[in-house]
Amino acid sequence: MAENHTPRVTGGHSDPVSAVAHHGACGTTVVTLRGEIDMLTAPALSARLDMLTAASHFDLVLDLRTVAFIDCAGLGVLCRARNRVHAGQGRLRLVTGDTSFLHLLRVTGLRNVFEVHPQLPRPLPQPDVSPTRP
């Protein structure tokens, strides 16, 4: 996610963001984002995340590792999702190792606002449900 960014324009629009949600067995929803999160793509992404975060006690992981660029509108989407999740007493984690994005979080004062991890969280071990012998 480069700070110096020239959007790739196709027909007057930057590359759309793609959001694919996977619901884990432990109640965690992982949303993998791809593309660019900017002023053109932020409204649709915000609406999608609003639908996902409508429940209380929601555990959401946003995988940003394949996001090419994020601007202030994209940061606004992340802040809105965080606020909605926290209002419902849930948890939001961001997954990224991109040093430019981490720097952006630091200079905007948002580094300590978000829980950031370099990798997806490992699923919790599932309880053993094998039948017991009498």
N, C-alpha and C. Protein backbone atom coordinates (compact mmCIF):
# COMPACT_ATOMS: atom_id res chain seq x y z
N MET A 1 0.84 -1.16 0.00
CA MET A 1 0.00 0.00 0.00
C MET A 1 0.89 1.23 0.00
N ALA A 2 1.26 1.62 -1.13
CA ALA A 2 2.18 2.72 -1.25
C ALA A 2 1.53 4.04 -0.88
N GLU A 3 2.29 4.91 -0.26
CA GLU A 3 1.78 6.22 0.09
C GLU A 3 1.72 7.11 -1.15
N ASN A 4 2.71 7.02 -2.01
CA ASN A 4 2.70 7.75 -3.26
C ASN A 4 1.96 6.86 -4.24
N HIS A 5 0.78 7.27 -4.61
CA HIS A 5 -0.09 6.39 -5.35
C HIS A 5 -0.66 7.09 -6.56
N THR A 6 -0.61 6.41 -7.68
CA THR A 6 -1.31 6.83 -8.87
C THR A 6 -2.33 5.75 -9.17
N PRO A 7 -3.63 6.04 -9.02
CA PRO A 7 -4.61 5.00 -9.23
C PRO A 7 -4.58 4.50 -10.65
N ARG A 8 -4.77 3.20 -10.77
CA ARG A 8 -4.90 2.60 -12.08
C ARG A 8 -6.32 2.87 -12.52
N VAL A 9 -6.47 3.60 -13.62
CA VAL A 9 -7.80 4.02 -14.03
C VAL A 9 -8.23 3.21 -15.25
N THR A 10 -9.46 2.68 -15.14
CA THR A 10 -10.06 1.95 -16.23
C THR A 10 -11.46 2.52 -16.42
N GLY A 11 -11.69 3.21 -17.49
CA GLY A 11 -13.00 3.78 -17.71
C GLY A 11 -13.39 4.81 -16.67
N GLY A 12 -12.41 5.51 -16.09
CA GLY A 12 -12.71 6.55 -15.14
C GLY A 12 -12.81 6.09 -13.70
N HIS A 13 -12.57 4.84 -13.41
CA HIS A 13 -12.67 4.33 -12.04
C HIS A 13 -11.39 3.62 -11.65
N SER A 14 -11.04 3.70 -10.36
CA SER A 14 -9.89 2.95 -9.88
C SER A 14 -10.29 1.49 -9.72
N ASP A 15 -9.31 0.63 -9.56
CA ASP A 15 -9.60 -0.80 -9.42
C ASP A 15 -10.52 -1.01 -8.23
N PRO A 16 -11.60 -1.76 -8.43
CA PRO A 16 -12.54 -1.96 -7.33
C PRO A 16 -11.94 -2.84 -6.25
N VAL A 17 -12.47 -2.66 -5.05
CA VAL A 17 -12.06 -3.50 -3.95
C VAL A 17 -12.96 -4.73 -3.98
N SER A 18 -12.37 -5.86 -3.65
CA SER A 18 -13.10 -7.11 -3.55
C SER A 18 -13.09 -7.55 -2.10
N ALA A 19 -14.24 -7.97 -1.58
CA ALA A 19 -14.34 -8.41 -0.19
C ALA A 19 -14.98 -9.79 -0.18
N VAL A 20 -14.23 -10.77 0.27
CA VAL A 20 -14.72 -12.14 0.36
C VAL A 20 -14.74 -12.53 1.83
N ALA A 21 -15.93 -12.88 2.33
CA ALA A 21 -16.08 -13.24 3.74
C ALA A 21 -16.09 -14.75 3.91
N HIS A 22 -15.37 -15.21 4.93
CA HIS A 22 -15.34 -16.63 5.30
C HIS A 22 -15.72 -16.70 6.77
N HIS A 23 -16.71 -17.52 7.07
CA HIS A 23 -17.14 -17.67 8.45
C HIS A 23 -16.47 -18.90 9.04
N GLY A 24 -15.68 -18.69 10.09
CA GLY A 24 -14.94 -19.77 10.72
C GLY A 24 -15.78 -20.53 11.73
N ALA A 25 -15.31 -21.70 12.07
CA ALA A 25 -16.01 -22.56 13.02
C ALA A 25 -16.04 -21.95 14.41
N CYS A 26 -15.13 -21.07 14.73
CA CYS A 26 -15.04 -20.49 16.07
C CYS A 26 -15.87 -19.22 16.20
N GLY A 27 -16.67 -18.90 15.19
CA GLY A 27 -17.47 -17.70 15.24
C GLY A 27 -16.78 -16.47 14.69
N THR A 28 -15.57 -16.62 14.19
CA THR A 28 -14.83 -15.51 13.60
C THR A 28 -15.15 -15.42 12.12
N THR A 29 -15.38 -14.20 11.65
CA THR A 29 -15.57 -13.97 10.23
C THR A 29 -14.32 -13.28 9.70
N VAL A 30 -13.71 -13.87 8.68
CA VAL A 30 -12.52 -13.30 8.04
C VAL A 30 -12.96 -12.73 6.70
N VAL A 31 -12.71 -11.44 6.52
CA VAL A 31 -13.01 -10.79 5.26
C VAL A 31 -11.68 -10.47 4.59
N THR A 32 -11.45 -11.08 3.45
CA THR A 32 -10.23 -10.84 2.68
C THR A 32 -10.51 -9.74 1.68
N LEU A 33 -9.77 -8.65 1.80
CA LEU A 33 -9.94 -7.50 0.91
C LEU A 33 -8.83 -7.48 -0.12
N ARG A 34 -9.19 -7.17 -1.35
CA ARG A 34 -8.22 -7.07 -2.45
C ARG A 34 -8.50 -5.80 -3.23
N GLY A 35 -7.46 -5.22 -3.80
CA GLY A 35 -7.64 -4.04 -4.64
C GLY A 35 -7.30 -2.77 -3.91
N GLU A 36 -8.08 -1.73 -4.19
CA GLU A 36 -7.82 -0.41 -3.63
C GLU A 36 -9.03 0.04 -2.84
N ILE A 37 -8.77 0.55 -1.64
CA ILE A 37 -9.83 1.10 -0.82
C ILE A 37 -9.66 2.60 -0.83
N ASP A 38 -10.46 3.25 -1.66
CA ASP A 38 -10.32 4.70 -1.84
C ASP A 38 -11.70 5.33 -1.87
N MET A 39 -11.77 6.60 -2.22
CA MET A 39 -13.05 7.31 -2.16
C MET A 39 -14.08 6.75 -3.14
N LEU A 40 -13.63 6.06 -4.17
CA LEU A 40 -14.57 5.46 -5.11
C LEU A 40 -15.11 4.12 -4.62
N THR A 41 -14.30 3.36 -3.92
CA THR A 41 -14.70 2.02 -3.49
C THR A 41 -15.17 1.96 -2.05
N ALA A 42 -14.87 3.00 -1.27
CA ALA A 42 -15.21 3.00 0.16
C ALA A 42 -16.71 2.87 0.45
N PRO A 43 -17.59 3.56 -0.27
CA PRO A 43 -19.02 3.45 0.08
C PRO A 43 -19.56 2.01 -0.01
N ALA A 44 -19.21 1.30 -1.07
CA ALA A 44 -19.70 -0.07 -1.22
C ALA A 44 -19.11 -0.98 -0.15
N LEU A 45 -17.83 -0.81 0.14
CA LEU A 45 -17.20 -1.62 1.18
C LEU A 45 -17.80 -1.30 2.55
N SER A 46 -18.05 -0.03 2.81
CA SER A 46 -18.64 0.36 4.08
C SER A 46 -20.02 -0.27 4.25
N ALA A 47 -20.82 -0.28 3.20
CA ALA A 47 -22.14 -0.89 3.26
C ALA A 47 -22.03 -2.39 3.52
N ARG A 48 -21.08 -3.05 2.88
CA ARG A 48 -20.88 -4.49 3.10
C ARG A 48 -20.46 -4.76 4.55
N LEU A 49 -19.54 -3.98 5.07
CA LEU A 49 -19.09 -4.17 6.45
C LEU A 49 -20.18 -3.80 7.45
N ASP A 50 -21.03 -2.83 7.11
CA ASP A 50 -22.16 -2.50 7.98
C ASP A 50 -23.09 -3.71 8.13
N MET A 51 -23.33 -4.41 7.03
CA MET A 51 -24.19 -5.60 7.10
C MET A 51 -23.55 -6.68 7.98
N LEU A 52 -22.24 -6.86 7.82
CA LEU A 52 -21.55 -7.89 8.59
C LEU A 52 -21.47 -7.55 10.07
N THR A 53 -21.38 -6.27 10.40
CA THR A 53 -21.17 -5.88 11.80
C THR A 53 -22.47 -5.51 12.52
N ALA A 54 -23.60 -5.85 11.93
CA ALA A 54 -24.88 -5.53 12.56
C ALA A 54 -25.12 -6.35 13.83
N ALA A 55 -24.51 -7.54 13.93
CA ALA A 55 -24.70 -8.40 15.10
C ALA A 55 -23.83 -7.93 16.25
N SER A 56 -24.25 -8.25 17.46
CA SER A 56 -23.43 -7.93 18.63
C SER A 56 -22.45 -9.07 18.90
N HIS A 57 -21.45 -8.77 19.67
CA HIS A 57 -20.40 -9.72 20.03
C HIS A 57 -19.77 -10.34 18.79
N PHE A 58 -19.57 -9.53 17.78
CA PHE A 58 -19.07 -9.99 16.48
C PHE A 58 -17.55 -10.04 16.50
N ASP A 59 -16.97 -11.10 15.99
CA ASP A 59 -15.52 -11.25 15.89
C ASP A 59 -15.16 -11.16 14.41
N LEU A 60 -14.52 -10.06 14.03
CA LEU A 60 -14.22 -9.77 12.63
C LEU A 60 -12.73 -9.61 12.43
N VAL A 61 -12.23 -10.28 11.39
CA VAL A 61 -10.84 -10.13 10.98
C VAL A 61 -10.86 -9.59 9.55
N LEU A 62 -10.20 -8.45 9.34
CA LEU A 62 -10.06 -7.90 8.00
C LEU A 62 -8.65 -8.18 7.51
N ASP A 63 -8.55 -9.03 6.50
CA ASP A 63 -7.26 -9.39 5.93
C ASP A 63 -6.92 -8.39 4.83
N LEU A 64 -5.98 -7.50 5.13
CA LEU A 64 -5.59 -6.42 4.22
C LEU A 64 -4.32 -6.74 3.43
N ARG A 65 -3.84 -7.97 3.51
CA ARG A 65 -2.53 -8.29 2.92
C ARG A 65 -2.50 -8.11 1.41
N THR A 66 -3.64 -8.18 0.73
CA THR A 66 -3.64 -8.01 -0.73
C THR A 66 -4.30 -6.69 -1.16
N VAL A 67 -4.40 -5.75 -0.23
CA VAL A 67 -4.88 -4.42 -0.58
C VAL A 67 -3.70 -3.63 -1.13
N ALA A 68 -3.88 -3.09 -2.33
CA ALA A 68 -2.78 -2.37 -2.98
C ALA A 68 -2.64 -0.94 -2.48
N PHE A 69 -3.75 -0.34 -2.07
CA PHE A 69 -3.73 1.07 -1.68
C PHE A 69 -4.92 1.35 -0.78
N ILE A 70 -4.73 2.24 0.18
CA ILE A 70 -5.83 2.71 1.02
C ILE A 70 -5.62 4.19 1.28
N ASP A 71 -6.67 4.97 1.08
CA ASP A 71 -6.57 6.41 1.32
C ASP A 71 -7.37 6.78 2.56
N CYS A 72 -7.56 8.08 2.78
CA CYS A 72 -8.26 8.51 4.00
C CYS A 72 -9.70 8.03 4.03
N ALA A 73 -10.34 7.90 2.88
CA ALA A 73 -11.71 7.35 2.85
C ALA A 73 -11.69 5.89 3.30
N GLY A 74 -10.66 5.16 2.90
CA GLY A 74 -10.50 3.77 3.33
C GLY A 74 -10.25 3.67 4.82
N LEU A 75 -9.43 4.58 5.36
CA LEU A 75 -9.22 4.61 6.81
C LEU A 75 -10.53 4.89 7.53
N GLY A 76 -11.35 5.74 6.94
CA GLY A 76 -12.65 6.04 7.52
C GLY A 76 -13.54 4.80 7.58
N VAL A 77 -13.48 3.97 6.54
CA VAL A 77 -14.24 2.71 6.52
C VAL A 77 -13.76 1.79 7.64
N LEU A 78 -12.45 1.68 7.82
CA LEU A 78 -11.91 0.83 8.87
C LEU A 78 -12.31 1.35 10.25
N CYS A 79 -12.27 2.67 10.44
CA CYS A 79 -12.66 3.25 11.72
C CYS A 79 -14.14 3.01 11.99
N ARG A 80 -14.97 3.16 10.97
CA ARG A 80 -16.41 2.91 11.13
C ARG A 80 -16.66 1.46 11.51
N ALA A 81 -15.99 0.53 10.84
CA ALA A 81 -16.17 -0.89 11.17
C ALA A 81 -15.72 -1.15 12.60
N ARG A 82 -14.61 -0.57 13.00
CA ARG A 82 -14.11 -0.75 14.36
C ARG A 82 -15.12 -0.23 15.38
N ASN A 83 -15.64 0.96 15.13
CA ASN A 83 -16.60 1.55 16.05
C ASN A 83 -17.87 0.72 16.16
N ARG A 84 -18.34 0.20 15.05
CA ARG A 84 -19.56 -0.63 15.07
C ARG A 84 -19.31 -1.94 15.82
N VAL A 85 -18.17 -2.56 15.58
CA VAL A 85 -17.85 -3.82 16.26
C VAL A 85 -17.71 -3.58 17.75
N HIS A 86 -16.99 -2.54 18.14
CA HIS A 86 -16.78 -2.25 19.56
C HIS A 86 -18.09 -1.85 20.25
N ALA A 87 -18.96 -1.14 19.55
CA ALA A 87 -20.25 -0.76 20.14
C ALA A 87 -21.09 -2.00 20.46
N GLY A 88 -20.90 -3.05 19.66
CA GLY A 88 -21.60 -4.32 19.90
C GLY A 88 -20.80 -5.27 20.77
N GLN A 89 -19.78 -4.74 21.44
CA GLN A 89 -18.91 -5.51 22.34
C GLN A 89 -18.22 -6.67 21.60
N GLY A 90 -17.85 -6.41 20.36
CA GLY A 90 -17.16 -7.41 19.56
C GLY A 90 -15.68 -7.11 19.46
N ARG A 91 -15.05 -7.77 18.51
CA ARG A 91 -13.60 -7.64 18.33
C ARG A 91 -13.29 -7.49 16.85
N LEU A 92 -12.41 -6.55 16.53
CA LEU A 92 -11.95 -6.34 15.16
C LEU A 92 -10.44 -6.44 15.13
N ARG A 93 -9.94 -7.25 14.21
CA ARG A 93 -8.49 -7.37 14.01
C ARG A 93 -8.17 -7.09 12.55
N LEU A 94 -7.07 -6.39 12.33
CA LEU A 94 -6.56 -6.16 10.98
C LEU A 94 -5.35 -7.05 10.77
N VAL A 95 -5.23 -7.62 9.58
CA VAL A 95 -4.08 -8.44 9.25
C VAL A 95 -3.33 -7.76 8.10
N THR A 96 -2.10 -7.35 8.40
CA THR A 96 -1.25 -6.73 7.38
C THR A 96 0.18 -6.72 7.88
N GLY A 97 1.09 -6.80 6.96
CA GLY A 97 2.49 -6.66 7.29
C GLY A 97 3.09 -5.51 6.50
N ASP A 98 2.23 -4.78 5.79
CA ASP A 98 2.68 -3.71 4.92
C ASP A 98 3.21 -2.55 5.75
N THR A 99 4.50 -2.28 5.61
CA THR A 99 5.14 -1.24 6.42
C THR A 99 4.59 0.15 6.12
N SER A 100 4.20 0.40 4.87
CA SER A 100 3.62 1.71 4.52
C SER A 100 2.29 1.92 5.23
N PHE A 101 1.47 0.88 5.27
CA PHE A 101 0.18 1.00 5.94
C PHE A 101 0.38 1.15 7.45
N LEU A 102 1.31 0.39 8.02
CA LEU A 102 1.59 0.52 9.45
C LEU A 102 2.10 1.92 9.78
N HIS A 103 2.93 2.48 8.89
CA HIS A 103 3.41 3.86 9.07
C HIS A 103 2.24 4.84 9.00
N LEU A 104 1.32 4.62 8.05
CA LEU A 104 0.15 5.47 7.93
C LEU A 104 -0.68 5.44 9.22
N LEU A 105 -0.84 4.25 9.80
CA LEU A 105 -1.58 4.15 11.06
C LEU A 105 -0.87 4.93 12.17
N ARG A 106 0.48 4.85 12.19
CA ARG A 106 1.23 5.57 13.22
C ARG A 106 1.08 7.08 13.08
N VAL A 107 1.26 7.60 11.87
CA VAL A 107 1.24 9.06 11.69
C VAL A 107 -0.16 9.64 11.84
N THR A 108 -1.18 8.82 11.65
CA THR A 108 -2.55 9.31 11.84
C THR A 108 -3.04 9.10 13.27
N GLY A 109 -2.20 8.49 14.10
CA GLY A 109 -2.58 8.25 15.49
C GLY A 109 -3.52 7.06 15.66
N LEU A 110 -3.62 6.22 14.64
CA LEU A 110 -4.54 5.08 14.69
C LEU A 110 -3.87 3.76 15.01
N ARG A 111 -2.56 3.76 15.16
CA ARG A 111 -1.85 2.48 15.39
C ARG A 111 -2.35 1.77 16.64
N ASN A 112 -2.56 2.51 17.70
CA ASN A 112 -3.01 1.89 18.95
C ASN A 112 -4.53 1.74 19.02
N VAL A 113 -5.23 2.23 18.02
CA VAL A 113 -6.69 2.10 17.96
C VAL A 113 -7.08 0.72 17.43
N PHE A 114 -6.26 0.21 16.52
CA PHE A 114 -6.54 -1.07 15.88
C PHE A 114 -5.66 -2.17 16.44
N GLU A 115 -6.21 -3.35 16.50
CA GLU A 115 -5.44 -4.56 16.84
C GLU A 115 -4.92 -5.10 15.51
N VAL A 116 -3.60 -5.03 15.31
CA VAL A 116 -2.99 -5.39 14.03
C VAL A 116 -2.11 -6.61 14.21
N HIS A 117 -2.23 -7.55 13.26
CA HIS A 117 -1.44 -8.78 13.28
C HIS A 117 -0.81 -8.98 11.91
N PRO A 118 0.38 -9.60 11.85
CA PRO A 118 1.02 -9.84 10.56
C PRO A 118 0.44 -11.05 9.81
N GLN A 119 -0.26 -11.93 10.52
CA GLN A 119 -0.81 -13.14 9.90
C GLN A 119 -2.22 -13.36 10.40
N LEU A 120 -2.96 -14.18 9.66
CA LEU A 120 -4.30 -14.55 10.12
C LEU A 120 -4.18 -15.30 11.44
N PRO A 121 -5.14 -15.09 12.33
CA PRO A 121 -5.10 -15.84 13.60
C PRO A 121 -5.33 -17.32 13.34
N ARG A 122 -4.68 -18.13 14.11
CA ARG A 122 -4.87 -19.58 14.00
C ARG A 122 -6.21 -19.94 14.62
N PRO A 123 -6.91 -20.86 14.00
CA PRO A 123 -8.18 -21.27 14.62
C PRO A 123 -7.92 -21.98 15.94
N LEU A 124 -8.84 -21.77 16.87
CA LEU A 124 -8.73 -22.45 18.15
C LEU A 124 -8.94 -23.95 17.94
N PRO A 125 -8.25 -24.79 18.73
CA PRO A 125 -8.47 -26.22 18.58
C PRO A 125 -9.93 -26.56 18.85
N GLN A 126 -10.46 -27.42 18.03
CA GLN A 126 -11.84 -27.84 18.18
C GLN A 126 -11.93 -28.88 19.29
N PRO A 127 -13.01 -28.85 20.07
CA PRO A 127 -13.15 -29.84 21.14
C PRO A 127 -13.29 -31.24 20.55
N ASP A 128 -12.76 -32.20 21.28
CA ASP A 128 -12.84 -33.59 20.84
C ASP A 128 -14.27 -34.07 21.06
N VAL A 129 -14.92 -34.44 19.97
CA VAL A 129 -16.31 -34.90 20.07
C VAL A 129 -16.42 -36.38 19.73
N SER A 130 -15.30 -37.08 19.80
CA SER A 130 -15.35 -38.51 19.52
C SER A 130 -16.13 -39.23 20.61
N PRO A 131 -16.85 -40.26 20.23
CA PRO A 131 -17.66 -40.96 21.26
C PRO A 131 -16.77 -41.58 22.32
N THR A 132 -17.24 -41.53 23.53
CA THR A 132 -16.50 -42.14 24.63
C THR A 132 -16.92 -43.59 24.78
N ARG A 133 -16.01 -44.39 25.21
CA ARG A 133 -16.30 -45.80 25.42
C ARG A 133 -16.90 -45.99 26.80
N PRO A 134 -17.95 -46.83 26.88
CA PRO A 134 -18.53 -47.08 28.22
C PRO A 134 -17.63 -47.86 29.13
